[in-house]
Structures are given as C-alpha cells and as structure tokens.
N, C-alpha and C. Protein backbone atom coordinates (compact mmCIF):
# COMPACT_ATOMS: atom_id res chain seq x y z
N MET A 1 15.78 -8.87 145.77
CA MET A 1 15.82 -10.03 144.87
C MET A 1 16.95 -9.92 143.86
N LYS A 2 17.16 -8.66 143.43
CA LYS A 2 18.22 -8.45 142.43
C LYS A 2 19.58 -8.83 143.00
N LEU A 3 19.85 -8.42 144.25
CA LEU A 3 21.12 -8.74 144.89
C LEU A 3 21.25 -10.25 145.07
N LYS A 4 20.16 -10.91 145.45
CA LYS A 4 20.17 -12.37 145.60
C LYS A 4 20.53 -13.05 144.29
N HIS A 5 19.97 -12.53 143.21
CA HIS A 5 20.22 -13.10 141.88
C HIS A 5 21.69 -12.95 141.50
N ILE A 6 22.25 -11.78 141.80
CA ILE A 6 23.67 -11.53 141.50
C ILE A 6 24.57 -12.46 142.30
N LEU A 7 24.26 -12.61 143.58
CA LEU A 7 25.07 -13.47 144.44
C LEU A 7 24.97 -14.93 144.01
N LEU A 8 23.78 -15.34 143.60
CA LEU A 8 23.59 -16.72 143.13
C LEU A 8 24.38 -16.95 141.85
N HIS A 9 24.33 -15.98 140.94
CA HIS A 9 25.09 -16.08 139.68
C HIS A 9 26.59 -16.18 139.96
N PHE A 10 27.06 -15.36 140.90
CA PHE A 10 28.47 -15.37 141.26
C PHE A 10 28.89 -16.72 141.85
N LYS A 11 28.03 -17.27 142.71
CA LYS A 11 28.32 -18.56 143.33
C LYS A 11 28.38 -19.68 142.30
N ILE A 12 27.44 -19.65 141.34
CA ILE A 12 27.42 -20.67 140.28
C ILE A 12 28.68 -20.57 139.43
N ALA A 13 29.04 -19.33 139.05
CA ALA A 13 30.24 -19.12 138.22
C ALA A 13 31.49 -19.59 138.95
N LYS A 14 31.54 -19.31 140.24
CA LYS A 14 32.71 -19.71 141.04
C LYS A 14 32.82 -21.23 141.10
N ASN A 15 31.70 -21.89 141.27
CA ASN A 15 31.70 -23.36 141.32
C ASN A 15 32.09 -23.96 139.97
N LEU A 16 31.61 -23.35 138.89
CA LEU A 16 31.95 -23.84 137.55
C LEU A 16 33.44 -23.66 137.27
N MET A 17 34.01 -22.54 137.73
CA MET A 17 35.44 -22.32 137.54
C MET A 17 36.25 -23.32 138.35
N ARG A 18 35.81 -23.60 139.56
CA ARG A 18 36.50 -24.58 140.40
C ARG A 18 36.47 -25.95 139.72
N LYS A 19 35.33 -26.28 139.14
CA LYS A 19 35.19 -27.56 138.43
C LYS A 19 36.11 -27.60 137.21
N LEU A 20 36.19 -26.48 136.48
CA LEU A 20 37.06 -26.41 135.30
C LEU A 20 38.52 -26.61 135.69
N LYS A 21 38.95 -26.00 136.78
CA LYS A 21 40.33 -26.15 137.23
C LYS A 21 40.64 -27.60 137.57
N LYS A 22 39.69 -28.28 138.19
CA LYS A 22 39.88 -29.70 138.52
C LYS A 22 40.01 -30.53 137.25
N GLU A 23 39.19 -30.22 136.25
CA GLU A 23 39.23 -30.95 134.99
C GLU A 23 40.58 -30.77 134.30
N ILE A 24 41.07 -29.54 134.29
CA ILE A 24 42.38 -29.27 133.67
C ILE A 24 43.49 -29.99 134.43
N SER A 25 43.42 -29.96 135.75
CA SER A 25 44.45 -30.61 136.57
C SER A 25 44.53 -32.11 136.32
N LYS A 26 43.39 -32.70 135.95
CA LYS A 26 43.33 -34.14 135.70
C LYS A 26 43.45 -34.50 134.22
N CYS A 27 43.73 -33.49 133.39
CA CYS A 27 43.77 -33.72 131.94
C CYS A 27 44.84 -34.74 131.55
N THR A 28 44.45 -35.67 130.67
CA THR A 28 45.39 -36.68 130.17
C THR A 28 45.32 -36.77 128.64
N LEU A 29 44.89 -35.68 128.00
CA LEU A 29 44.70 -35.68 126.55
C LEU A 29 45.90 -36.21 125.77
N CYS A 30 47.10 -35.78 126.19
CA CYS A 30 48.30 -36.17 125.45
C CYS A 30 49.28 -36.94 126.33
N ALA A 31 48.76 -37.61 127.35
CA ALA A 31 49.61 -38.32 128.31
C ALA A 31 50.58 -39.29 127.64
N GLU A 32 50.13 -39.97 126.59
CA GLU A 32 50.98 -40.96 125.91
C GLU A 32 52.18 -40.32 125.22
N SER A 33 52.10 -39.02 124.96
CA SER A 33 53.19 -38.33 124.27
C SER A 33 54.11 -37.59 125.23
N LEU A 34 53.82 -37.65 126.52
CA LEU A 34 54.62 -36.93 127.52
C LEU A 34 55.56 -37.90 128.23
N GLU A 35 56.83 -37.75 127.96
CA GLU A 35 57.83 -38.64 128.54
C GLU A 35 57.79 -38.66 130.06
N HIS A 36 57.52 -37.49 130.66
CA HIS A 36 57.53 -37.38 132.13
C HIS A 36 56.13 -37.39 132.72
N GLY A 37 55.15 -37.69 131.90
CA GLY A 37 53.78 -37.76 132.38
C GLY A 37 53.13 -36.39 132.48
N PRO A 38 51.79 -36.35 132.57
CA PRO A 38 51.08 -35.08 132.66
C PRO A 38 51.17 -34.45 134.05
N ARG A 39 51.40 -33.15 134.07
CA ARG A 39 51.29 -32.35 135.29
C ARG A 39 50.93 -30.93 134.87
N PRO A 40 49.66 -30.67 134.59
CA PRO A 40 49.25 -29.35 134.12
C PRO A 40 49.60 -28.26 135.13
N VAL A 41 50.19 -27.19 134.63
CA VAL A 41 50.57 -26.05 135.47
C VAL A 41 49.93 -24.79 134.90
N PHE A 42 49.15 -24.11 135.73
CA PHE A 42 48.43 -22.92 135.27
C PHE A 42 47.96 -22.15 136.50
N ALA A 43 47.42 -20.96 136.28
CA ALA A 43 46.88 -20.15 137.37
C ALA A 43 45.93 -19.11 136.79
N PHE A 44 44.75 -18.97 137.36
CA PHE A 44 43.83 -17.93 136.93
C PHE A 44 42.68 -17.78 137.93
N SER A 45 42.05 -16.63 137.91
CA SER A 45 40.85 -16.41 138.70
C SER A 45 39.92 -15.50 137.91
N ALA A 46 38.70 -15.36 138.36
CA ALA A 46 37.73 -14.52 137.68
C ALA A 46 38.12 -13.05 137.73
N HIS A 47 39.07 -12.72 138.63
CA HIS A 47 39.46 -11.31 138.82
C HIS A 47 40.79 -10.97 138.14
N SER A 48 41.40 -11.92 137.45
CA SER A 48 42.71 -11.68 136.83
C SER A 48 42.66 -10.47 135.90
N LYS A 49 43.68 -9.62 135.99
CA LYS A 49 43.76 -8.42 135.17
C LYS A 49 44.73 -8.57 133.99
N ILE A 50 45.75 -9.39 134.19
CA ILE A 50 46.76 -9.61 133.16
C ILE A 50 46.80 -11.10 132.83
N MET A 51 46.83 -11.42 131.56
CA MET A 51 46.92 -12.81 131.12
C MET A 51 48.29 -13.05 130.50
N ILE A 52 48.98 -14.08 130.95
CA ILE A 52 50.26 -14.46 130.37
C ILE A 52 50.07 -15.77 129.61
N ILE A 53 50.27 -15.72 128.30
CA ILE A 53 50.20 -16.93 127.47
C ILE A 53 51.59 -17.20 126.94
N GLY A 54 52.24 -18.18 127.54
CA GLY A 54 53.59 -18.53 127.14
C GLY A 54 53.62 -19.84 126.37
N GLN A 55 54.70 -20.58 126.49
CA GLN A 55 54.86 -21.83 125.74
C GLN A 55 54.36 -23.02 126.53
N ALA A 56 55.21 -23.57 127.38
CA ALA A 56 54.86 -24.73 128.20
C ALA A 56 55.83 -24.77 129.37
N PRO A 57 55.47 -25.44 130.45
CA PRO A 57 56.38 -25.54 131.59
C PRO A 57 57.69 -26.22 131.20
N GLY A 58 58.78 -25.81 131.85
CA GLY A 58 60.06 -26.47 131.67
C GLY A 58 60.23 -27.55 132.72
N SER A 59 61.40 -28.14 132.77
CA SER A 59 61.64 -29.26 133.69
C SER A 59 61.55 -28.84 135.16
N VAL A 60 62.04 -27.64 135.48
CA VAL A 60 61.98 -27.16 136.87
C VAL A 60 60.53 -26.97 137.30
N VAL A 61 59.75 -26.33 136.45
CA VAL A 61 58.34 -26.10 136.77
C VAL A 61 57.58 -27.42 136.86
N HIS A 62 57.95 -28.38 136.03
CA HIS A 62 57.32 -29.70 136.10
C HIS A 62 57.55 -30.33 137.48
N ARG A 63 58.74 -30.11 138.04
CA ARG A 63 59.05 -30.68 139.36
C ARG A 63 58.32 -29.95 140.48
N THR A 64 58.29 -28.61 140.40
CA THR A 64 57.73 -27.83 141.51
C THR A 64 56.23 -27.61 141.40
N GLY A 65 55.72 -27.61 140.17
CA GLY A 65 54.31 -27.32 139.97
C GLY A 65 53.98 -25.85 140.06
N ILE A 66 55.01 -25.00 140.13
CA ILE A 66 54.82 -23.55 140.24
C ILE A 66 55.15 -22.90 138.89
N PRO A 67 54.21 -22.22 138.25
CA PRO A 67 54.47 -21.64 136.93
C PRO A 67 55.59 -20.61 136.94
N TRP A 68 56.41 -20.64 135.90
CA TRP A 68 57.52 -19.69 135.74
C TRP A 68 58.46 -19.69 136.95
N ASP A 69 58.63 -20.85 137.55
CA ASP A 69 59.49 -20.99 138.74
C ASP A 69 60.92 -21.33 138.32
N ASP A 70 61.51 -20.45 137.50
CA ASP A 70 62.85 -20.69 136.99
C ASP A 70 63.47 -19.36 136.57
N LYS A 71 64.62 -19.41 135.94
CA LYS A 71 65.31 -18.18 135.53
C LYS A 71 64.47 -17.40 134.52
N SER A 72 63.76 -18.09 133.65
CA SER A 72 62.89 -17.41 132.69
C SER A 72 61.83 -16.60 133.44
N GLY A 73 61.30 -17.17 134.49
CA GLY A 73 60.30 -16.47 135.30
C GLY A 73 60.88 -15.25 135.99
N GLU A 74 62.10 -15.37 136.49
CA GLU A 74 62.77 -14.22 137.11
C GLU A 74 62.93 -13.09 136.11
N ASN A 75 63.34 -13.46 134.89
CA ASN A 75 63.51 -12.45 133.85
C ASN A 75 62.17 -11.80 133.49
N LEU A 76 61.13 -12.62 133.38
CA LEU A 76 59.81 -12.10 133.02
C LEU A 76 59.31 -11.13 134.08
N ARG A 77 59.45 -11.48 135.34
CA ARG A 77 59.01 -10.58 136.41
C ARG A 77 59.79 -9.27 136.38
N SER A 78 61.08 -9.37 136.06
CA SER A 78 61.90 -8.16 135.94
C SER A 78 61.41 -7.30 134.77
N TRP A 79 61.12 -7.96 133.64
CA TRP A 79 60.61 -7.23 132.47
C TRP A 79 59.31 -6.51 132.82
N MET A 80 58.44 -7.18 133.58
CA MET A 80 57.14 -6.62 133.92
C MET A 80 57.22 -5.57 135.02
N GLY A 81 58.31 -5.60 135.78
CA GLY A 81 58.47 -4.66 136.87
C GLY A 81 57.63 -4.99 138.09
N ILE A 82 57.40 -6.29 138.34
CA ILE A 82 56.61 -6.70 139.50
C ILE A 82 57.36 -7.75 140.30
N ASP A 83 56.98 -7.89 141.57
CA ASP A 83 57.63 -8.88 142.42
C ASP A 83 56.88 -10.21 142.35
N ALA A 84 57.44 -11.22 143.01
CA ALA A 84 56.86 -12.56 142.96
C ALA A 84 55.47 -12.61 143.60
N ASP A 85 55.26 -11.85 144.68
CA ASP A 85 53.96 -11.86 145.35
C ASP A 85 52.85 -11.38 144.40
N THR A 86 53.16 -10.34 143.63
CA THR A 86 52.19 -9.83 142.67
C THR A 86 51.99 -10.81 141.53
N PHE A 87 53.10 -11.34 141.04
CA PHE A 87 53.06 -12.27 139.90
C PHE A 87 52.22 -13.50 140.21
N TYR A 88 52.33 -14.01 141.45
CA TYR A 88 51.62 -15.23 141.81
C TYR A 88 50.27 -14.98 142.47
N ASN A 89 49.78 -13.76 142.38
CA ASN A 89 48.45 -13.42 142.87
C ASN A 89 47.48 -13.63 141.71
N GLU A 90 46.70 -14.69 141.75
CA GLU A 90 45.80 -15.03 140.64
C GLU A 90 44.78 -13.94 140.35
N ASP A 91 44.44 -13.15 141.35
CA ASP A 91 43.49 -12.07 141.13
C ASP A 91 44.10 -10.93 140.30
N LYS A 92 45.42 -10.98 140.13
CA LYS A 92 46.10 -9.97 139.33
C LYS A 92 46.64 -10.56 138.03
N VAL A 93 47.25 -11.74 138.12
CA VAL A 93 47.92 -12.33 136.96
C VAL A 93 47.42 -13.76 136.70
N ALA A 94 46.95 -14.01 135.49
CA ALA A 94 46.56 -15.35 135.07
C ALA A 94 47.68 -15.92 134.21
N ILE A 95 47.98 -17.19 134.40
CA ILE A 95 49.03 -17.86 133.64
C ILE A 95 48.42 -19.06 132.93
N VAL A 96 48.26 -18.91 131.61
CA VAL A 96 47.60 -19.93 130.80
C VAL A 96 48.49 -20.22 129.59
N PRO A 97 49.40 -21.19 129.70
CA PRO A 97 50.34 -21.46 128.60
C PRO A 97 49.68 -22.16 127.42
N MET A 98 50.40 -22.20 126.31
CA MET A 98 49.92 -22.92 125.14
C MET A 98 49.86 -24.41 125.41
N GLY A 99 50.80 -24.90 126.18
CA GLY A 99 50.81 -26.29 126.62
C GLY A 99 50.89 -26.31 128.14
N PHE A 100 50.01 -27.03 128.80
CA PHE A 100 49.97 -27.01 130.26
C PHE A 100 51.01 -27.92 130.92
N CYS A 101 51.53 -28.88 130.15
CA CYS A 101 52.47 -29.85 130.72
C CYS A 101 53.85 -29.75 130.06
N TYR A 102 54.84 -30.17 130.80
CA TYR A 102 56.22 -30.20 130.29
C TYR A 102 56.30 -31.19 129.12
N PRO A 103 56.68 -30.72 127.93
CA PRO A 103 56.68 -31.60 126.76
C PRO A 103 57.91 -32.50 126.65
N GLY A 104 58.95 -32.22 127.46
CA GLY A 104 60.18 -33.00 127.39
C GLY A 104 61.25 -32.31 126.56
N LYS A 105 62.42 -32.93 126.52
CA LYS A 105 63.57 -32.35 125.83
C LYS A 105 63.63 -32.77 124.37
N GLY A 106 64.05 -31.81 123.54
CA GLY A 106 64.31 -32.10 122.14
C GLY A 106 65.79 -32.00 121.86
N LYS A 107 66.18 -31.91 120.61
CA LYS A 107 67.60 -31.84 120.25
C LYS A 107 68.24 -30.51 120.63
N SER A 108 67.45 -29.45 120.60
CA SER A 108 68.02 -28.13 120.89
C SER A 108 67.17 -27.38 121.91
N GLY A 109 66.84 -28.05 123.00
CA GLY A 109 66.01 -27.43 124.03
C GLY A 109 64.72 -28.19 124.23
N ASP A 110 63.79 -27.59 124.93
CA ASP A 110 62.51 -28.25 125.18
C ASP A 110 61.71 -28.42 123.89
N LEU A 111 60.92 -29.47 123.85
CA LEU A 111 60.04 -29.70 122.71
C LEU A 111 58.95 -28.62 122.67
N PRO A 112 58.31 -28.42 121.52
CA PRO A 112 57.22 -27.44 121.44
C PRO A 112 56.07 -27.85 122.35
N PRO A 113 55.25 -26.90 122.76
CA PRO A 113 54.07 -27.25 123.56
C PRO A 113 53.14 -28.15 122.77
N ARG A 114 52.48 -29.05 123.45
CA ARG A 114 51.54 -29.94 122.79
C ARG A 114 50.40 -29.13 122.16
N LYS A 115 49.95 -29.55 121.00
CA LYS A 115 48.93 -28.80 120.25
C LYS A 115 47.51 -29.05 120.75
N GLU A 116 47.36 -30.02 121.63
CA GLU A 116 46.01 -30.34 122.11
C GLU A 116 45.47 -29.32 123.12
N CYS A 117 46.37 -28.71 123.89
CA CYS A 117 45.96 -27.91 125.05
C CYS A 117 45.12 -26.68 124.72
N ALA A 118 45.68 -25.81 123.89
CA ALA A 118 44.99 -24.54 123.63
C ALA A 118 43.58 -24.73 123.07
N PRO A 119 43.39 -25.57 122.04
CA PRO A 119 42.03 -25.76 121.54
C PRO A 119 41.09 -26.39 122.57
N ALA A 120 41.66 -27.22 123.43
CA ALA A 120 40.82 -27.93 124.40
C ALA A 120 40.39 -27.05 125.57
N TRP A 121 41.26 -26.12 126.00
CA TRP A 121 41.01 -25.44 127.26
C TRP A 121 40.94 -23.91 127.22
N HIS A 122 41.64 -23.28 126.30
CA HIS A 122 41.73 -21.81 126.36
C HIS A 122 40.36 -21.12 126.33
N GLU A 123 39.54 -21.48 125.37
CA GLU A 123 38.24 -20.82 125.26
C GLU A 123 37.38 -21.03 126.51
N ALA A 124 37.46 -22.22 127.06
CA ALA A 124 36.70 -22.54 128.27
C ALA A 124 37.15 -21.68 129.45
N ILE A 125 38.46 -21.42 129.51
CA ILE A 125 39.01 -20.59 130.59
C ILE A 125 38.64 -19.12 130.38
N PHE A 126 38.84 -18.64 129.16
CA PHE A 126 38.70 -17.21 128.91
C PHE A 126 37.29 -16.67 129.12
N LYS A 127 36.29 -17.52 129.01
CA LYS A 127 34.93 -17.02 129.19
C LYS A 127 34.66 -16.59 130.63
N TYR A 128 35.52 -17.02 131.55
CA TYR A 128 35.39 -16.62 132.95
C TYR A 128 36.27 -15.42 133.29
N LEU A 129 37.16 -15.05 132.36
CA LEU A 129 38.14 -14.01 132.65
C LEU A 129 37.82 -12.72 131.88
N ASP A 130 36.64 -12.19 132.11
CA ASP A 130 36.23 -11.01 131.36
C ASP A 130 36.83 -9.71 131.91
N GLY A 131 37.63 -9.81 132.97
CA GLY A 131 38.26 -8.62 133.53
C GLY A 131 39.69 -8.40 133.05
N VAL A 132 40.17 -9.28 132.16
CA VAL A 132 41.54 -9.15 131.66
C VAL A 132 41.68 -7.91 130.79
N GLU A 133 42.66 -7.09 131.11
CA GLU A 133 42.89 -5.84 130.37
C GLU A 133 44.13 -5.91 129.48
N LEU A 134 45.00 -6.86 129.74
CA LEU A 134 46.23 -6.99 128.96
C LEU A 134 46.61 -8.46 128.85
N THR A 135 46.94 -8.89 127.64
CA THR A 135 47.40 -10.26 127.41
C THR A 135 48.80 -10.23 126.84
N LEU A 136 49.73 -10.90 127.52
CA LEU A 136 51.10 -11.01 127.04
C LEU A 136 51.23 -12.29 126.22
N LEU A 137 51.61 -12.15 124.96
CA LEU A 137 51.86 -13.31 124.10
C LEU A 137 53.36 -13.52 124.04
N ILE A 138 53.83 -14.57 124.72
CA ILE A 138 55.26 -14.80 124.87
C ILE A 138 55.73 -15.94 123.97
N GLY A 139 56.57 -15.61 123.01
CA GLY A 139 57.13 -16.62 122.13
C GLY A 139 56.27 -16.87 120.89
N LYS A 140 56.87 -17.56 119.94
CA LYS A 140 56.23 -17.71 118.63
C LYS A 140 54.96 -18.56 118.65
N TYR A 141 54.87 -19.55 119.55
CA TYR A 141 53.71 -20.43 119.53
C TYR A 141 52.43 -19.68 119.93
N ALA A 142 52.53 -18.87 120.98
CA ALA A 142 51.38 -18.07 121.40
C ALA A 142 51.04 -17.04 120.34
N GLN A 143 52.06 -16.43 119.76
CA GLN A 143 51.83 -15.39 118.76
C GLN A 143 51.22 -15.97 117.48
N GLU A 144 51.70 -17.11 117.04
CA GLU A 144 51.14 -17.74 115.84
C GLU A 144 49.67 -18.11 116.06
N TYR A 145 49.35 -18.58 117.24
CA TYR A 145 48.00 -19.06 117.53
C TYR A 145 46.99 -17.91 117.61
N TYR A 146 47.42 -16.80 118.21
CA TYR A 146 46.48 -15.71 118.45
C TYR A 146 46.55 -14.56 117.45
N LEU A 147 47.68 -14.35 116.83
CA LEU A 147 47.78 -13.24 115.88
C LEU A 147 47.44 -13.65 114.45
N LYS A 148 47.65 -14.91 114.15
CA LYS A 148 47.32 -15.47 112.85
C LYS A 148 47.83 -14.61 111.68
N LYS A 149 46.96 -14.06 110.86
CA LYS A 149 47.40 -13.35 109.65
C LYS A 149 48.11 -12.03 109.94
N SER A 150 47.95 -11.50 111.13
CA SER A 150 48.62 -10.24 111.45
C SER A 150 50.06 -10.45 111.94
N LEU A 151 50.46 -11.73 112.02
CA LEU A 151 51.82 -12.07 112.40
C LEU A 151 52.80 -11.59 111.33
N LYS A 152 53.96 -11.11 111.75
CA LYS A 152 55.00 -10.68 110.79
C LYS A 152 55.82 -11.89 110.34
N ARG A 153 56.84 -11.64 109.52
CA ARG A 153 57.56 -12.76 108.90
C ARG A 153 58.40 -13.56 109.89
N ASN A 154 58.73 -12.99 111.04
CA ASN A 154 59.42 -13.74 112.09
C ASN A 154 59.16 -13.08 113.45
N LEU A 155 59.62 -13.72 114.51
CA LEU A 155 59.34 -13.21 115.85
C LEU A 155 59.94 -11.82 116.06
N THR A 156 61.14 -11.60 115.57
CA THR A 156 61.78 -10.30 115.75
C THR A 156 60.95 -9.18 115.15
N GLU A 157 60.44 -9.40 113.94
CA GLU A 157 59.62 -8.38 113.29
C GLU A 157 58.29 -8.19 114.01
N THR A 158 57.74 -9.29 114.53
CA THR A 158 56.48 -9.20 115.26
C THR A 158 56.66 -8.35 116.52
N VAL A 159 57.72 -8.63 117.28
CA VAL A 159 57.97 -7.88 118.51
C VAL A 159 58.32 -6.42 118.19
N LYS A 160 59.04 -6.22 117.11
CA LYS A 160 59.43 -4.86 116.72
C LYS A 160 58.21 -4.00 116.41
N ASN A 161 57.15 -4.65 115.94
CA ASN A 161 55.90 -3.94 115.61
C ASN A 161 54.86 -4.11 116.71
N PHE A 162 55.31 -4.19 117.94
CA PHE A 162 54.43 -4.48 119.07
C PHE A 162 53.26 -3.50 119.20
N ASN A 163 53.48 -2.26 118.79
CA ASN A 163 52.42 -1.25 118.92
C ASN A 163 51.17 -1.59 118.12
N GLU A 164 51.34 -2.38 117.06
CA GLU A 164 50.20 -2.74 116.21
C GLU A 164 49.18 -3.62 116.95
N TYR A 165 49.64 -4.32 117.98
CA TYR A 165 48.78 -5.30 118.65
C TYR A 165 48.18 -4.76 119.96
N LEU A 166 48.66 -3.61 120.39
CA LEU A 166 48.10 -2.99 121.58
C LEU A 166 46.74 -2.37 121.26
N PRO A 167 45.82 -2.26 122.22
CA PRO A 167 46.01 -2.53 123.65
C PRO A 167 45.66 -3.97 124.08
N GLU A 168 45.16 -4.79 123.13
CA GLU A 168 44.74 -6.14 123.52
C GLU A 168 45.92 -7.04 123.86
N PHE A 169 46.92 -7.04 122.99
CA PHE A 169 48.08 -7.92 123.16
C PHE A 169 49.38 -7.11 123.26
N LEU A 170 50.30 -7.64 124.05
CA LEU A 170 51.66 -7.13 124.04
C LEU A 170 52.56 -8.34 123.76
N VAL A 171 53.28 -8.28 122.64
CA VAL A 171 54.05 -9.44 122.19
C VAL A 171 55.49 -9.36 122.69
N LEU A 172 56.01 -10.51 123.13
CA LEU A 172 57.34 -10.56 123.72
C LEU A 172 58.09 -11.81 123.24
N PRO A 173 59.43 -11.74 123.23
CA PRO A 173 60.20 -12.97 123.01
C PRO A 173 60.16 -13.77 124.31
N HIS A 174 60.62 -15.00 124.25
CA HIS A 174 60.67 -15.78 125.49
C HIS A 174 61.80 -15.24 126.37
N PRO A 175 61.56 -15.08 127.68
CA PRO A 175 62.58 -14.53 128.58
C PRO A 175 63.64 -15.53 129.02
N SER A 176 63.77 -16.63 128.32
CA SER A 176 64.78 -17.63 128.66
C SER A 176 66.19 -17.05 128.52
N PRO A 177 67.11 -17.46 129.41
CA PRO A 177 68.51 -17.04 129.26
C PRO A 177 69.09 -17.43 127.90
N ARG A 178 68.48 -18.41 127.24
CA ARG A 178 68.94 -18.81 125.90
C ARG A 178 68.79 -17.66 124.90
N ASN A 179 67.93 -16.70 125.23
CA ASN A 179 67.69 -15.58 124.33
C ASN A 179 68.55 -14.35 124.64
N ASN A 180 69.55 -14.52 125.48
CA ASN A 180 70.44 -13.39 125.80
C ASN A 180 71.14 -12.87 124.54
N ILE A 181 71.48 -13.77 123.64
CA ILE A 181 72.14 -13.36 122.39
C ILE A 181 71.18 -12.51 121.56
N TRP A 182 69.91 -12.93 121.51
CA TRP A 182 68.89 -12.16 120.79
C TRP A 182 68.76 -10.77 121.39
N MET A 183 68.79 -10.69 122.72
CA MET A 183 68.66 -9.40 123.41
C MET A 183 69.81 -8.47 123.03
N LYS A 184 71.01 -9.03 122.95
CA LYS A 184 72.17 -8.21 122.61
C LYS A 184 72.11 -7.73 121.17
N LYS A 185 71.58 -8.58 120.30
CA LYS A 185 71.47 -8.21 118.88
C LYS A 185 70.34 -7.20 118.63
N ASN A 186 69.41 -7.13 119.56
CA ASN A 186 68.25 -6.27 119.39
C ASN A 186 68.07 -5.35 120.60
N PRO A 187 68.97 -4.40 120.78
CA PRO A 187 68.91 -3.51 121.95
C PRO A 187 67.65 -2.66 122.01
N TRP A 188 66.98 -2.49 120.87
CA TRP A 188 65.73 -1.72 120.83
C TRP A 188 64.65 -2.33 121.73
N PHE A 189 64.75 -3.66 121.97
CA PHE A 189 63.74 -4.32 122.80
C PHE A 189 63.74 -3.74 124.22
N ALA A 190 64.94 -3.65 124.81
CA ALA A 190 65.05 -3.10 126.17
C ALA A 190 64.76 -1.60 126.19
N GLU A 191 65.10 -0.93 125.11
CA GLU A 191 64.94 0.53 125.06
C GLU A 191 63.51 0.96 124.74
N GLU A 192 62.81 0.19 123.90
CA GLU A 192 61.49 0.61 123.42
C GLU A 192 60.33 -0.21 123.98
N VAL A 193 60.51 -1.53 124.04
CA VAL A 193 59.39 -2.40 124.43
C VAL A 193 59.24 -2.51 125.94
N LEU A 194 60.33 -2.75 126.65
CA LEU A 194 60.23 -2.97 128.09
C LEU A 194 59.64 -1.78 128.85
N PRO A 195 60.00 -0.53 128.52
CA PRO A 195 59.34 0.59 129.22
C PRO A 195 57.83 0.60 129.03
N VAL A 196 57.37 0.25 127.83
CA VAL A 196 55.93 0.18 127.56
C VAL A 196 55.31 -0.95 128.36
N LEU A 197 55.97 -2.09 128.40
CA LEU A 197 55.48 -3.24 129.16
C LEU A 197 55.33 -2.86 130.63
N LYS A 198 56.38 -2.30 131.22
CA LYS A 198 56.33 -1.94 132.66
C LYS A 198 55.26 -0.91 132.96
N SER A 199 55.15 0.11 132.13
CA SER A 199 54.17 1.15 132.40
C SER A 199 52.75 0.63 132.21
N THR A 200 52.54 -0.26 131.23
CA THR A 200 51.22 -0.81 130.99
C THR A 200 50.81 -1.74 132.13
N VAL A 201 51.74 -2.59 132.55
CA VAL A 201 51.47 -3.48 133.68
C VAL A 201 51.14 -2.69 134.93
N ALA A 202 51.92 -1.65 135.20
CA ALA A 202 51.68 -0.81 136.39
C ALA A 202 50.31 -0.15 136.31
N SER A 203 49.93 0.30 135.13
CA SER A 203 48.63 0.96 134.95
C SER A 203 47.48 -0.02 135.16
N VAL A 204 47.61 -1.22 134.63
CA VAL A 204 46.55 -2.23 134.75
C VAL A 204 46.38 -2.69 136.19
N LEU A 205 47.50 -2.85 136.89
CA LEU A 205 47.45 -3.36 138.25
C LEU A 205 47.16 -2.28 139.28
C-alpha cells in the first residue's frame, strides 16, 4: 500500500506540473505591453538539479522558442563547462527567467524583463523543484529579486563577493557579448569565479 501511495502521489504531482506548464505557455498577463506578443520560454522538470534564473528571452529565442539559443547561451554553456545536450536536459537544468517573454528593444538593448512574471509563476514552479542543488542568478534583475538586502552596491561588487551567496546561489553577470568589455576590465571573474562555477556544476551533475 505504501508503494501504491507513493506512485499515486508521483502521478498527481506530474499531472499538476504538466498543467502548470500549460498555464505558463498560455500566459497573457502582460500581452498588451509586449510589442511582439507573448511567447513564454522556459524549461524545468521535477528532477532538475541546477536552476538558471536569467533576465528574459532575446529576439532570437523569441523566434526559435529555445531558451538561451544565441551567443549568450553559447557563452553561458562555456562558463558552466557543459555541452548543449546537458544544458537542454530538463532533468539536469531548469531555465526559469525573470521574464518569460521577449520584452522588445529599448534605446540601449533589450527592455528589462516584465515585472509580472516572477511574482506570478516562480513560487508555483519552485515548489515542484525540491531537487535543485544550485541556482545561478544571472544579471542584476535576478540578483535584485532574490538577494534583496544582501545585494552589494552594484553588480560587479555582488559578483566579486560570490562566495557569500554559496552554496544556494552562484551570482553571475549576463554572458552577453555586450559584456566583453566588462570581462576585460574584471579579469578576476575568469580567474576566480568561473573555475568555481565549472567545478560546482560538475559536482552537482
């Protein structure tokens, strides 16, 4: 009977997660503010070990529907030391951005992620992901939302003090090619943070 109860619980949880994914896929909370319309992009399973919380999909990802399907994604996978097959395996990596849809272009790059997404969906998702051992907070929006008062005065200082947030969070700048100048100005990131990121990811997976 005990085994039956466990299997029934697992089946119910699986069905609820499937229902949640459908609800997110059909989300229109901020449709009126999205120039290109809603197309939520995300990935997760009950077995995910690593959680990636980034900003929002870019224009390429909006077209393909594949998360991190651009140069930023290539850089991120390189930083993590994993290949695309591992990255896109939901049982290993969950991708839950601050904004699920492409927010459109602003004056100096993409607009910020919509503020409706995280409060509406993150908590509902995370209650199914109790196997996550590492969460990557990528960029200032994810870091501001989750670190709150423990955030430093700017992103550089936050990332520089990455050890303070381990083992729950590992904080990173955005891997966009736009940040190549930041990388050159802050060589300590490649020397100190990336080795920890790669070794931690390898250990978790």
